[in-house]
N, C-alpha and C. Protein backbone atom coordinates (compact mmCIF):
# COMPACT_ATOMS: atom_id res chain seq x y z
N UNK A 1 13.67 -5.75 13.20
CA UNK A 1 12.46 -6.71 13.47
C UNK A 1 12.68 -7.23 12.45
N UNK A 2 12.74 -8.75 12.70
CA UNK A 2 12.58 -10.19 11.66
C UNK A 2 11.64 -10.11 11.02
N UNK A 3 11.77 -10.55 9.78
CA UNK A 3 10.33 -11.00 9.06
C UNK A 3 9.43 -12.42 9.97
N UNK A 4 8.18 -12.34 10.25
CA UNK A 4 7.96 -13.65 11.02
C UNK A 4 8.24 -14.45 9.99
N UNK A 5 8.14 -15.72 10.14
CA UNK A 5 8.48 -17.11 9.80
C UNK A 5 7.15 -16.71 8.69
N UNK A 6 6.24 -16.69 9.03
CA UNK A 6 4.77 -16.86 7.75
C UNK A 6 4.08 -15.75 8.52
N UNK A 7 4.58 -14.75 7.82
CA UNK A 7 4.11 -13.53 7.71
C UNK A 7 2.79 -13.23 7.12
N UNK A 8 1.52 -13.05 7.89
CA UNK A 8 0.41 -12.67 6.98
C UNK A 8 -0.07 -11.69 6.17
N UNK A 9 -0.21 -11.45 5.23
CA UNK A 9 -0.27 -10.43 3.65
C UNK A 9 -2.05 -10.51 3.79
N UNK A 10 -2.81 -9.39 3.92
CA UNK A 10 -3.90 -9.06 3.17
C UNK A 10 -3.88 -8.65 2.11
N UNK A 11 -4.34 -9.18 1.08
CA UNK A 11 -4.20 -8.30 -0.51
C UNK A 11 -5.57 -7.99 -0.63
N UNK A 12 -5.67 -6.64 -0.89
CA UNK A 12 -7.60 -6.20 -1.01
C UNK A 12 -7.59 -5.98 -2.76
N UNK A 13 -7.80 -6.30 -3.17
CA UNK A 13 -7.81 -5.96 -4.78
C UNK A 13 -8.70 -6.68 -5.42
N UNK A 14 -10.15 -5.84 -6.07
CA UNK A 14 -11.46 -6.16 -6.59
C UNK A 14 -11.20 -7.06 -7.96
N UNK A 15 -9.91 -6.83 -8.97
CA UNK A 15 -9.63 -7.63 -9.68
C UNK A 15 -9.54 -8.73 -9.41
N UNK A 16 -10.53 -9.77 -10.09
CA UNK A 16 -10.07 -11.14 -9.02
C UNK A 16 -8.99 -11.71 -9.54
N UNK A 17 -8.16 -11.59 -10.93
CA UNK A 17 -6.82 -12.03 -11.51
C UNK A 17 -5.59 -11.75 -11.18
N UNK A 18 -6.35 -10.45 -10.88
CA UNK A 18 -4.62 -10.02 -10.22
C UNK A 18 -4.78 -10.42 -8.34
N UNK A 19 -5.47 -10.29 -8.06
CA UNK A 19 -5.76 -11.07 -6.59
C UNK A 19 -4.81 -12.22 -6.35
N UNK A 20 -5.51 -13.17 -7.76
CA UNK A 20 -5.08 -14.60 -7.30
C UNK A 20 -3.69 -14.62 -7.91
N UNK A 21 -3.18 -13.90 -8.93
CA UNK A 21 -1.40 -13.41 -8.85
C UNK A 21 -0.80 -13.14 -7.95
N UNK A 22 -1.68 -12.30 -6.99
CA UNK A 22 -0.64 -11.61 -6.17
C UNK A 22 -0.73 -13.07 -5.02
N UNK A 23 -1.87 -13.44 -4.64
CA UNK A 23 -1.76 -14.07 -3.64
C UNK A 23 -0.34 -15.62 -4.30
N UNK A 24 -1.12 -15.86 -5.24
CA UNK A 24 0.04 -16.90 -5.55
C UNK A 24 1.37 -16.84 -5.32
N UNK A 25 1.84 -15.57 -5.90
CA UNK A 25 3.29 -15.10 -5.95
C UNK A 25 3.94 -15.02 -4.43
N UNK A 26 2.75 -14.74 -3.38
CA UNK A 26 3.17 -13.94 -2.15
C UNK A 26 3.34 -15.80 -1.22
N UNK A 27 2.34 -16.41 -1.45
CA UNK A 27 2.26 -17.61 -1.17
C UNK A 27 3.66 -18.15 -1.75
N UNK A 28 3.85 -18.59 -2.70
CA UNK A 28 5.01 -19.01 -3.40
C UNK A 28 6.69 -18.44 -2.23
N UNK A 29 6.34 -17.18 -2.05
CA UNK A 29 7.66 -16.90 -1.42
C UNK A 29 7.46 -16.55 -0.22
N UNK A 30 6.59 -17.80 0.46
CA UNK A 30 6.34 -18.10 1.66
C UNK A 30 5.51 -17.29 2.98
N UNK A 31 4.99 -16.40 2.33
CA UNK A 31 3.73 -15.70 3.13
C UNK A 31 2.37 -16.13 2.72
N UNK A 32 1.61 -16.22 3.96
CA UNK A 32 0.59 -16.72 4.32
C UNK A 32 -0.67 -15.24 3.78
N UNK A 33 -1.59 -15.60 2.87
CA UNK A 33 -2.25 -14.82 2.20
C UNK A 33 -3.78 -14.91 2.17
N UNK A 34 -4.69 -13.82 2.49
CA UNK A 34 -5.81 -13.81 2.35
C UNK A 34 -5.93 -12.81 1.08
N UNK A 35 -6.88 -13.12 0.14
CA UNK A 35 -7.33 -12.08 -0.93
C UNK A 35 -8.87 -11.71 -0.55
N UNK A 36 -9.23 -10.40 -0.31
CA UNK A 36 -10.69 -10.06 -0.54
C UNK A 36 -10.95 -9.06 -1.41
N UNK A 37 -11.92 -8.97 -2.08
CA UNK A 37 -12.53 -7.92 -2.82
C UNK A 37 -12.81 -6.60 -2.75
N UNK A 38 -13.06 -6.49 -1.41
CA UNK A 38 -13.71 -4.93 -1.18
C UNK A 38 -13.26 -4.39 -0.12
N UNK A 39 -13.20 -2.78 0.33
CA UNK A 39 -12.85 -2.58 1.27
C UNK A 39 -13.65 -2.71 2.21
N UNK A 40 -14.97 -2.95 2.12
CA UNK A 40 -16.19 -3.75 3.51
C UNK A 40 -15.35 -5.00 4.03
N UNK A 41 -15.34 -6.04 3.18
CA UNK A 41 -14.33 -7.29 3.50
C UNK A 41 -13.06 -7.14 4.01
N UNK A 42 -12.17 -6.15 3.69
CA UNK A 42 -10.83 -5.89 4.54
C UNK A 42 -11.36 -5.36 6.22
N UNK A 43 -11.94 -4.70 5.94
CA UNK A 43 -11.96 -3.92 7.62
C UNK A 43 -12.77 -4.88 8.39
N UNK A 44 -13.82 -6.17 8.18
CA UNK A 44 -14.27 -7.19 8.56
C UNK A 44 -13.33 -8.33 8.67
N UNK A 45 -12.10 -8.40 8.18
CA UNK A 45 -11.53 -9.60 8.37
C UNK A 45 -10.03 -9.29 9.28
N UNK A 46 -9.91 -7.61 9.27
CA UNK A 46 -8.58 -6.96 9.95
C UNK A 46 -8.00 -7.69 11.10
N UNK A 47 -9.42 -7.62 11.93
CA UNK A 47 -9.42 -7.75 13.50
C UNK A 47 -8.77 -9.63 13.58
N UNK A 48 -9.32 -10.24 12.50
CA UNK A 48 -9.27 -11.70 13.05
C UNK A 48 -8.24 -12.22 12.32
N UNK A 49 -8.16 -11.79 11.07
CA UNK A 49 -6.55 -12.43 10.14
C UNK A 49 -5.55 -12.08 10.69
N UNK A 50 -5.33 -10.31 11.72
CA UNK A 50 -4.42 -9.84 12.18
C UNK A 50 -3.19 -9.86 11.01
N UNK A 51 -3.56 -8.81 10.19
CA UNK A 51 -2.16 -9.07 9.06
C UNK A 51 -0.80 -8.60 9.50
N UNK A 52 0.21 -9.27 8.69
CA UNK A 52 1.12 -7.98 9.57
C UNK A 52 1.49 -6.68 8.48
N UNK A 53 0.92 -7.17 7.14
CA UNK A 53 0.91 -5.80 6.09
C UNK A 53 -0.09 -6.31 5.26
N UNK A 54 -0.78 -5.07 4.67
CA UNK A 54 -1.72 -5.27 3.77
C UNK A 54 -1.52 -4.30 2.19
N UNK A 55 -1.89 -5.40 1.13
CA UNK A 55 -1.63 -4.28 -0.07
C UNK A 55 -2.85 -4.15 -0.17
N UNK A 56 -3.30 -2.81 -1.04
CA UNK A 56 -4.39 -1.91 -0.81
C UNK A 56 -4.51 -1.35 -2.54
N UNK A 57 -5.99 -1.90 -2.62
CA UNK A 57 -6.02 -1.48 -4.20
C UNK A 57 -6.66 -0.11 -3.67
N UNK A 58 -6.96 1.01 -4.17
CA UNK A 58 -7.70 2.30 -3.76
C UNK A 58 -9.12 2.35 -4.65
N UNK A 59 -9.36 2.15 -5.53
CA UNK A 59 -10.41 2.60 -6.76
C UNK A 59 -11.54 0.91 -6.34
N UNK A 60 -11.92 0.74 -5.09
CA UNK A 60 -13.44 -0.12 -4.93
C UNK A 60 -14.28 -0.22 -4.77
N UNK A 61 -15.76 -0.27 -5.09
CA UNK A 61 -16.88 0.12 -4.28
C UNK A 61 -17.31 -0.74 -3.95
N UNK A 62 -18.75 -0.75 -2.41
CA UNK A 62 -18.92 0.67 -2.23
C UNK A 62 -18.00 0.93 -1.33
N UNK A 63 -16.67 0.30 -1.09
CA UNK A 63 -16.14 0.97 0.14
C UNK A 63 -14.74 1.01 -0.30
N UNK A 64 -13.95 1.64 -0.40
CA UNK A 64 -13.20 2.26 -1.40
C UNK A 64 -11.87 1.76 -0.18
N UNK A 65 -10.54 1.80 -1.04
CA UNK A 65 -9.64 1.58 -0.60
C UNK A 65 -9.00 2.97 0.46
N UNK A 66 -9.33 4.03 -0.07
CA UNK A 66 -8.98 5.25 0.62
C UNK A 66 -10.20 5.14 1.88
N UNK A 67 -11.32 4.80 2.22
CA UNK A 67 -12.23 4.60 3.46
C UNK A 67 -11.34 3.51 4.21
N UNK A 68 -10.80 2.57 3.37
CA UNK A 68 -9.67 1.72 4.45
C UNK A 68 -8.82 2.15 5.23
N UNK A 69 -8.09 2.97 4.39
CA UNK A 69 -6.90 3.79 5.15
C UNK A 69 -7.54 4.47 6.19
N UNK A 70 -8.81 5.32 5.65
CA UNK A 70 -9.35 6.44 6.96
C UNK A 70 -9.98 5.09 8.19
N UNK A 71 -10.39 4.17 7.92
CA UNK A 71 -10.61 3.31 9.43
C UNK A 71 -9.57 2.85 9.57
N UNK A 72 -8.37 2.74 9.13
CA UNK A 72 -7.14 2.40 9.85
C UNK A 72 -6.39 3.55 10.74
N UNK A 73 -6.56 4.65 9.87
CA UNK A 73 -6.29 5.83 10.78
C UNK A 73 -6.98 6.27 12.46
N UNK A 74 -8.18 5.56 12.26
CA UNK A 74 -9.02 5.91 13.05
C UNK A 74 -9.53 4.76 14.16
N UNK A 75 -8.80 3.81 13.58
CA UNK A 75 -9.01 2.21 14.89
C UNK A 75 -7.64 2.20 15.11
N UNK A 76 -6.90 2.68 14.44
CA UNK A 76 -5.50 2.52 15.05
C UNK A 76 -5.09 0.99 15.27
N UNK A 77 -5.09 0.14 14.58
CA UNK A 77 -4.78 -1.45 15.22
C UNK A 77 -3.07 -1.27 15.62
N UNK A 78 -3.39 -2.22 16.93
CA UNK A 78 -2.00 -2.15 17.59
C UNK A 78 -1.45 -3.70 17.15
N UNK A 79 -0.24 -3.95 17.00
CA UNK A 79 0.91 -3.24 16.05
C UNK A 79 0.18 -2.48 14.84
N UNK A 80 0.76 -1.24 14.55
CA UNK A 80 0.34 -0.50 13.41
C UNK A 80 0.30 -1.41 12.24
N UNK A 81 -0.48 -1.73 11.18
CA UNK A 81 -0.27 -2.33 10.15
C UNK A 81 0.17 -1.53 8.89
N UNK A 82 1.34 -1.81 8.33
CA UNK A 82 1.92 -1.38 6.97
C UNK A 82 1.32 -1.39 6.21
N UNK A 83 0.59 -0.61 5.14
CA UNK A 83 -0.09 -0.49 4.01
C UNK A 83 0.45 -0.21 2.60
N UNK A 84 1.07 -1.12 1.75
CA UNK A 84 1.58 -1.05 0.95
C UNK A 84 -0.04 -0.84 -0.18
N UNK A 85 0.22 0.42 -1.13
CA UNK A 85 -0.88 0.70 -1.64
C UNK A 85 -0.64 0.17 -3.20
N UNK A 86 -1.50 -0.05 -3.78
CA UNK A 86 -1.12 -0.93 -5.22
C UNK A 86 -1.98 -0.15 -6.11
N UNK A 87 -2.04 0.58 -6.79
CA UNK A 87 -2.92 0.88 -7.85
C UNK A 87 -2.59 1.84 -9.13
N UNK A 88 -3.65 2.06 -10.04
CA UNK A 88 -3.65 2.39 -11.24
C UNK A 88 -3.71 3.93 -10.99
N UNK A 89 -4.17 4.25 -10.00
CA UNK A 89 -3.40 6.22 -9.85
C UNK A 89 -2.31 6.37 -10.07
N UNK A 90 -1.72 7.11 -10.88
CA UNK A 90 -0.48 7.62 -11.24
C UNK A 90 -0.28 8.52 -10.94
N UNK A 91 -1.23 9.63 -10.88
CA UNK A 91 -1.19 11.25 -10.50
C UNK A 91 -0.15 11.16 -9.25
N UNK A 92 0.71 12.15 -9.31
CA UNK A 92 1.55 12.85 -7.94
C UNK A 92 0.38 13.00 -6.93
N UNK A 93 -0.32 13.71 -7.21
CA UNK A 93 -1.49 14.46 -5.88
C UNK A 93 -2.15 12.87 -5.50
N UNK A 94 -2.38 11.94 -5.97
CA UNK A 94 -3.40 10.82 -5.54
C UNK A 94 -2.14 9.77 -4.18
N UNK A 95 -0.65 9.63 -5.06
CA UNK A 95 -0.21 9.25 -4.44
C UNK A 95 0.42 9.50 -3.20
N UNK A 96 0.38 11.42 -3.49
CA UNK A 96 0.92 11.83 -2.32
C UNK A 96 -0.21 12.03 -1.13
N UNK A 97 -1.53 11.76 -1.29
CA UNK A 97 -2.62 11.61 -0.58
C UNK A 97 -2.82 10.38 0.12
N UNK A 98 -2.08 9.27 -0.67
CA UNK A 98 -2.00 8.03 -0.38
C UNK A 98 -0.68 7.95 1.26
N UNK A 99 0.15 8.66 1.06
CA UNK A 99 1.24 8.56 2.02
C UNK A 99 0.88 9.63 2.97
N UNK A 100 -0.07 10.58 3.07
CA UNK A 100 -0.76 11.29 3.77
C UNK A 100 -1.78 10.26 5.05
N UNK A 101 -2.51 9.59 4.09
CA UNK A 101 -3.72 8.70 5.14
C UNK A 101 -3.06 7.35 5.42
N UNK A 102 -1.76 7.41 5.10
CA UNK A 102 -1.21 6.73 6.47
C UNK A 102 -0.40 5.13 5.61
N UNK A 103 -0.58 5.26 3.75
CA UNK A 103 0.53 3.93 2.99
C UNK A 103 1.96 4.38 3.46
N UNK A 104 2.51 3.29 3.59
CA UNK A 104 4.48 3.40 3.66
C UNK A 104 4.95 3.43 2.38
N UNK A 105 4.28 2.72 1.48
CA UNK A 105 4.47 2.49 -0.05
C UNK A 105 3.40 2.90 -0.51
N UNK A 106 3.96 2.94 -2.36
CA UNK A 106 2.74 3.48 -2.87
C UNK A 106 3.37 2.90 -5.06
N UNK A 107 2.57 1.56 -5.09
CA UNK A 107 2.96 0.95 -6.18
C UNK A 107 1.81 1.17 -7.49
N UNK A 108 2.36 1.64 -8.71
CA UNK A 108 1.18 1.74 -9.22
C UNK A 108 1.42 0.62 -10.95
N UNK A 109 0.16 0.33 -10.72
CA UNK A 109 0.02 -1.03 -11.49
C UNK A 109 0.21 -0.29 -12.95
N UNK A 110 0.54 -1.53 -13.91
CA UNK A 110 0.94 -2.65 -13.76
C UNK A 110 1.93 -2.63 -13.13
N UNK A 111 2.79 -3.50 -12.58
CA UNK A 111 4.21 -3.96 -12.22
C UNK A 111 4.25 -5.51 -11.63
N UNK A 112 5.32 -5.97 -11.90
CA UNK A 112 6.01 -7.29 -11.59
C UNK A 112 5.52 -7.76 -10.66
N UNK A 113 5.11 -8.73 -10.25
CA UNK A 113 4.73 -9.50 -8.95
C UNK A 113 5.94 -9.41 -8.28
N UNK A 114 6.77 -9.79 -9.31
CA UNK A 114 8.29 -10.45 -8.39
C UNK A 114 8.69 -9.08 -7.10
N UNK A 115 8.30 -7.62 -7.90
CA UNK A 115 8.83 -6.52 -6.90
C UNK A 115 7.97 -6.08 -6.11
N UNK A 116 6.83 -6.97 -6.49
CA UNK A 116 5.94 -6.79 -5.20
C UNK A 116 6.25 -7.48 -3.99
N UNK A 117 6.35 -8.32 -4.14
CA UNK A 117 7.21 -9.73 -3.11
C UNK A 117 8.36 -8.80 -2.54
N UNK A 118 9.30 -8.58 -3.33
CA UNK A 118 10.44 -7.66 -2.85
C UNK A 118 10.48 -6.71 -1.61
N UNK A 119 9.28 -5.66 -2.67
CA UNK A 119 8.99 -4.61 -1.47
C UNK A 119 7.88 -4.93 0.03
N UNK A 120 7.18 -5.89 -0.15
CA UNK A 120 6.73 -6.37 0.98
C UNK A 120 7.64 -6.94 1.90
N UNK A 121 8.89 -7.74 1.31
CA UNK A 121 9.92 -8.38 2.40
C UNK A 121 10.81 -7.25 3.33
N UNK A 122 10.87 -6.19 1.99
CA UNK A 122 11.79 -5.27 2.67
C UNK A 122 10.40 -4.10 3.71
N UNK A 123 9.45 -4.11 3.86
CA UNK A 123 8.80 -3.13 4.77
C UNK A 123 8.92 -3.62 5.85
N UNK A 124 9.00 -5.46 5.49
CA UNK A 124 8.39 -6.08 6.36
C UNK A 124 9.98 -6.36 7.86
N UNK A 125 10.92 -5.85 6.71
CA UNK A 125 11.83 -6.01 7.57
C UNK A 125 12.23 -5.03 8.73
N UNK A 126 11.86 -3.48 8.21
CA UNK A 126 11.78 -2.39 8.74
C UNK A 126 10.59 -2.68 10.13
N UNK A 127 11.64 -1.71 11.13
CA UNK A 127 10.86 -1.30 12.55
C UNK A 127 9.46 -0.30 12.23
N UNK A 128 8.55 -0.38 13.20
CA UNK A 128 8.07 0.85 12.58
C UNK A 128 8.24 2.29 12.51
N UNK A 129 9.20 2.41 13.21
CA UNK A 129 10.11 3.76 13.13
C UNK A 129 10.79 3.87 11.44
N UNK A 130 11.64 2.82 10.97
CA UNK A 130 11.89 2.97 9.68
C UNK A 130 10.43 3.14 8.99
N UNK A 131 9.74 2.65 9.09
CA UNK A 131 8.62 2.52 8.39
C UNK A 131 8.63 4.00 8.41
N UNK A 132 7.91 4.31 9.21
CA UNK A 132 7.10 6.00 9.32
C UNK A 132 8.20 7.18 8.71
N UNK A 133 9.58 6.66 9.00
CA UNK A 133 10.38 7.39 8.38
C UNK A 133 10.37 7.44 7.16
N UNK A 134 10.60 6.05 6.46
CA UNK A 134 9.92 6.10 4.70
C UNK A 134 8.92 6.84 4.44
N UNK A 135 8.17 6.18 4.75
CA UNK A 135 6.56 7.11 4.59
C UNK A 135 6.97 8.91 4.71
N UNK A 136 7.23 9.16 5.62
CA UNK A 136 7.84 10.87 5.56
C UNK A 136 8.59 11.16 4.08
N UNK A 137 9.55 10.17 4.04
CA UNK A 137 10.51 10.82 3.34
C UNK A 137 10.01 10.63 2.00
N UNK A 138 8.99 9.85 1.35
CA UNK A 138 7.90 9.51 0.28
C UNK A 138 7.07 10.93 0.18
N UNK A 139 6.40 11.21 1.35
CA UNK A 139 5.69 12.00 0.85
C UNK A 139 6.48 13.28 0.60
N UNK A 140 7.62 13.77 1.50
CA UNK A 140 8.39 14.96 1.39
C UNK A 140 8.84 14.91 -0.60
N UNK A 141 9.25 13.77 -0.54
CA UNK A 141 9.92 13.64 -2.27
C UNK A 141 8.64 13.87 -3.15
N UNK A 142 7.56 13.44 -3.05
CA UNK A 142 6.09 13.84 -3.71
C UNK A 142 5.91 15.77 -3.99
N UNK A 143 6.11 15.78 -2.47
CA UNK A 143 5.73 17.50 -2.49
C UNK A 143 6.91 18.36 -3.35
N UNK A 144 8.08 17.33 -3.20
CA UNK A 144 8.98 18.47 -3.73
C UNK A 144 8.83 18.14 -5.18
N UNK A 145 8.40 17.22 -5.93
CA UNK A 145 8.25 16.81 -6.82
C UNK A 145 6.97 17.96 -7.83
N UNK A 146 5.84 18.03 -6.76
CA UNK A 146 4.76 19.04 -7.15
C UNK A 146 5.08 20.09 -7.12
N UNK A 147 5.95 20.77 -5.81
CA UNK A 147 6.38 21.92 -6.35
C UNK A 147 7.35 22.28 -7.59
N UNK A 148 8.25 21.36 -7.99
CA UNK A 148 9.13 21.96 -9.26
C UNK A 148 7.58 21.81 -10.28
N UNK A 149 7.04 20.50 -10.10
CA UNK A 149 6.31 21.29 -11.26
C UNK A 149 5.40 21.92 -11.58
N UNK A 150 4.65 23.07 -10.68
CA UNK A 150 4.28 23.85 -10.20
C UNK A 150 4.70 25.09 -10.74
N UNK A 151 6.29 24.99 -10.45
CA UNK A 151 6.73 26.09 -10.17
C UNK A 151 7.56 26.05 -12.14
N UNK A 152 7.00 25.29 -12.85
CA UNK A 152 7.60 25.29 -14.37
C UNK A 152 7.61 26.64 -15.00
N UNK A 153 8.18 27.25 -15.73
CA UNK A 153 7.98 28.40 -16.34
C UNK A 153 7.00 27.94 -17.48
N UNK A 154 6.60 29.18 -18.22
CA UNK A 154 5.40 28.83 -19.16
C UNK A 154 6.33 28.48 -20.31
N UNK A 155 7.50 28.62 -20.73
CA UNK A 155 8.39 28.15 -22.00
C UNK A 155 8.37 26.67 -21.91
N UNK A 156 8.12 25.95 -20.60
CA UNK A 156 9.43 24.60 -20.12
C UNK A 156 7.97 24.13 -20.29
N UNK A 157 8.77 22.80 -21.15
CA UNK A 157 8.20 21.56 -21.36
C UNK A 157 8.12 20.71 -20.25
N UNK A 158 7.51 20.14 -19.47
CA UNK A 158 7.47 19.50 -18.19
C UNK A 158 6.51 17.76 -18.86
N UNK A 159 7.60 16.91 -18.67
CA UNK A 159 6.90 15.23 -19.19
C UNK A 159 7.01 14.39 -18.06
């Protein structure tokens, strides 16, 4: 699948400064962006804005990114909306849960905006089938890491 000439990216981030930086970098790299500050706003604008991809923070109130992922799973927009989670939640279990809930990628904050732009380009260039395969691969990787960590011997040092 070719990347649309002006792909629409929905940036869902409650920290306004981060939202503005992400939108600036994405706009500067040829994307059309819409920034919203809550999961509730995201759910309302998805049908009208019809994004090609969503960058989604998880920790927001009152409607969280987890709620948005759940809404997407229940409402199944067509075509499927790829979601890249961008979160400060760094635990493997949280990342695994993000993939289980439908995210195709999970980026921990802080990170370089240019790296996010490249991940957006990569995901948009993939077919829906390739994105699904990537999601399952990442989920399997997280499970393997958790299994190894849980199997550590009592005298092992795990960092």
